[in-house]
Amino acid sequence: MNTFLINSVPAGEFSEISIHIPDWQTIFLKLIQEGRLIKYNVNAMPNLSDKIKGELIKQCYSDHILDSNHNQHFLIQIKSP
């Protein structure tokens, strides 16, 4: 998965994911499979599982990290698989 540093929040409506959400792994995988825009904060999502990383790669996502706050990540599908 490609990673980019960005200066501002990307346009679009992002679904926020966190380990504090019940059944977050299933929800996260569903969002990926639907090609949704996803955001998360490293403080609320310290590590992505290998399964989630694999699905992000399979679905052609890129990780956009806010330059002014490296904890804030935006996952964007760069093309349809």
C-alpha atoms as a PDB file:
ATOM      1  CA  MET A   1       0.000   0.000   0.000  1.00  0.00           C
ATOM      2  CA  ASN A   2       1.359   3.406  -0.950  1.00  0.00           C
ATOM      3  CA  THR A   3       1.679   6.057   1.736  1.00  0.00           C
ATOM      4  CA  PHE A   4       1.544   9.806   1.152  1.00  0.00           C
ATOM      5  CA  LEU A   5       2.036  12.825   3.403  1.00  0.00           C
ATOM      6  CA  ILE A   6      -0.693  15.394   2.760  1.00  0.00           C
ATOM      7  CA  ASN A   7      -1.116  19.022   3.836  1.00  0.00           C
ATOM      8  CA  SER A   8      -4.883  19.047   4.278  1.00  0.00           C
ATOM      9  CA  VAL A   9      -7.777  16.693   4.869  1.00  0.00           C
ATOM     10  CA  PRO A  10      -8.900  15.091   1.592  1.00  0.00           C
ATOM     11  CA  ALA A  11     -12.345  15.911   0.241  1.00  0.00           C
ATOM     12  CA  GLY A  12     -15.122  13.429   0.815  1.00  0.00           C
ATOM     13  CA  GLU A  13     -17.161  11.827   3.542  1.00  0.00           C
ATOM     14  CA  PHE A  14     -14.954   9.476   5.565  1.00  0.00           C
ATOM     15  CA  SER A  15     -16.145   6.663   7.804  1.00  0.00           C
ATOM     16  CA  GLU A  16     -14.171   6.706  11.048  1.00  0.00           C
ATOM     17  CA  ILE A  17     -12.966   3.412  12.490  1.00  0.00           C
ATOM     18  CA  SER A  18     -11.611   2.675  15.968  1.00  0.00           C
ATOM     19  CA  ILE A  19     -10.872  -0.360  18.116  1.00  0.00           C
ATOM     20  CA  HIS A  20     -13.389   1.111  20.562  1.00  0.00           C
ATOM     21  CA  ILE A  21     -16.264   0.292  18.182  1.00  0.00           C
ATOM     22  CA  PRO A  22     -17.833  -3.129  18.876  1.00  0.00           C
ATOM     23  CA  ASP A  23     -16.982  -5.652  16.135  1.00  0.00           C
ATOM     24  CA  TRP A  24     -14.626  -3.076  14.584  1.00  0.00           C
ATOM     25  CA  GLN A  25     -12.648  -5.628  12.533  1.00  0.00           C
ATOM     26  CA  THR A  26     -15.752  -6.840  10.681  1.00  0.00           C
ATOM     27  CA  ILE A  27     -16.904  -3.264  10.121  1.00  0.00           C
ATOM     28  CA  PHE A  28     -13.436  -2.220   8.913  1.00  0.00           C
ATOM     29  CA  LEU A  29     -13.292  -5.099   6.399  1.00  0.00           C
ATOM     30  CA  LYS A  30     -16.808  -4.269   5.154  1.00  0.00           C
ATOM     31  CA  LEU A  31     -15.870  -0.614   4.615  1.00  0.00           C
ATOM     32  CA  ILE A  32     -12.805  -1.702   2.627  1.00  0.00           C
ATOM     33  CA  GLN A  33     -14.776  -4.145   0.500  1.00  0.00           C
ATOM     34  CA  GLU A  34     -17.340  -1.428  -0.238  1.00  0.00           C
ATOM     35  CA  GLY A  35     -14.556   0.932  -1.372  1.00  0.00           C
ATOM     36  CA  ARG A  36     -15.489   3.534   1.240  1.00  0.00           C
ATOM     37  CA  LEU A  37     -13.308   6.434   2.336  1.00  0.00           C
ATOM     38  CA  ILE A  38     -11.955   5.561   5.797  1.00  0.00           C
ATOM     39  CA  LYS A  39     -10.201   7.594   8.459  1.00  0.00           C
ATOM     40  CA  TYR A  40      -8.604   6.573  11.696  1.00  0.00           C
ATOM     41  CA  ASN A  41      -6.373   7.974  14.378  1.00  0.00           C
ATOM     42  CA  VAL A  42      -3.351   5.937  15.439  1.00  0.00           C
ATOM     43  CA  ASN A  43      -4.287   6.561  19.081  1.00  0.00           C
ATOM     44  CA  ALA A  44      -7.604   4.740  18.508  1.00  0.00           C
ATOM     45  CA  MET A  45      -6.210   2.199  16.018  1.00  0.00           C
ATOM     46  CA  PRO A  46      -2.559   1.523  16.923  1.00  0.00           C
ATOM     47  CA  ASN A  47      -2.003  -1.457  14.618  1.00  0.00           C
ATOM     48  CA  LEU A  48      -3.714  -2.787  11.520  1.00  0.00           C
ATOM     49  CA  SER A  49      -3.985  -6.573  11.435  1.00  0.00           C
ATOM     50  CA  ASP A  50      -2.379  -8.512   8.595  1.00  0.00           C
ATOM     51  CA  LYS A  51      -5.865  -9.439   7.366  1.00  0.00           C
ATOM     52  CA  ILE A  52      -6.910  -5.785   7.153  1.00  0.00           C
ATOM     53  CA  LYS A  53      -3.602  -4.755   5.560  1.00  0.00           C
ATOM     54  CA  GLY A  54      -4.006  -7.523   2.993  1.00  0.00           C
ATOM     55  CA  GLU A  55      -7.542  -6.422   2.129  1.00  0.00           C
ATOM     56  CA  LEU A  56      -6.431  -2.782   1.807  1.00  0.00           C
ATOM     57  CA  ILE A  57      -3.748  -3.862  -0.665  1.00  0.00           C
ATOM     58  CA  LYS A  58      -6.134  -6.153  -2.546  1.00  0.00           C
ATOM     59  CA  GLN A  59      -8.687  -3.340  -2.874  1.00  0.00           C
ATOM     60  CA  CYS A  60      -6.004  -0.831  -4.043  1.00  0.00           C
ATOM     61  CA  TYR A  61      -6.074   1.574  -1.102  1.00  0.00           C
ATOM     62  CA  SER A  62      -3.471   4.210  -0.311  1.00  0.00           C
ATOM     63  CA  ASP A  63      -2.707   5.646   3.119  1.00  0.00           C
ATOM     64  CA  HIS A  64      -2.728   9.452   3.321  1.00  0.00           C
ATOM     65  CA  ILE A  65      -1.175  10.839   6.497  1.00  0.00           C
ATOM     66  CA  LEU A  66      -1.822  14.396   7.583  1.00  0.00           C
ATOM     67  CA  ASP A  67       1.543  16.192   7.719  1.00  0.00           C
ATOM     68  CA  SER A  68       0.492  18.402  10.637  1.00  0.00           C
ATOM     69  CA  ASN A  69      -0.774  15.397  12.636  1.00  0.00           C
ATOM     70  CA  HIS A  70       0.909  12.077  11.798  1.00  0.00           C
ATOM     71  CA  ASN A  71      -1.628  10.244  13.963  1.00  0.00           C
ATOM     72  CA  GLN A  72      -4.440  11.046  11.509  1.00  0.00           C
ATOM     73  CA  HIS A  73      -4.699   8.627   8.559  1.00  0.00           C
ATOM     74  CA  PHE A  74      -7.054   8.655   5.575  1.00  0.00           C
ATOM     75  CA  LEU A  75      -7.482   5.478   3.529  1.00  0.00           C
ATOM     76  CA  ILE A  76      -8.534   6.082  -0.058  1.00  0.00           C
ATOM     77  CA  GLN A  77      -9.187   3.533  -2.775  1.00  0.00           C
ATOM     78  CA  ILE A  78      -6.999   4.695  -5.647  1.00  0.00           C
ATOM     79  CA  LYS A  79      -8.662   2.521  -8.274  1.00  0.00           C
ATOM     80  CA  SER A  80     -11.117  -0.315  -8.507  1.00  0.00           C
ATOM     81  CA  PRO A  81      -9.531  -3.758  -8.094  1.00  0.00           C
END
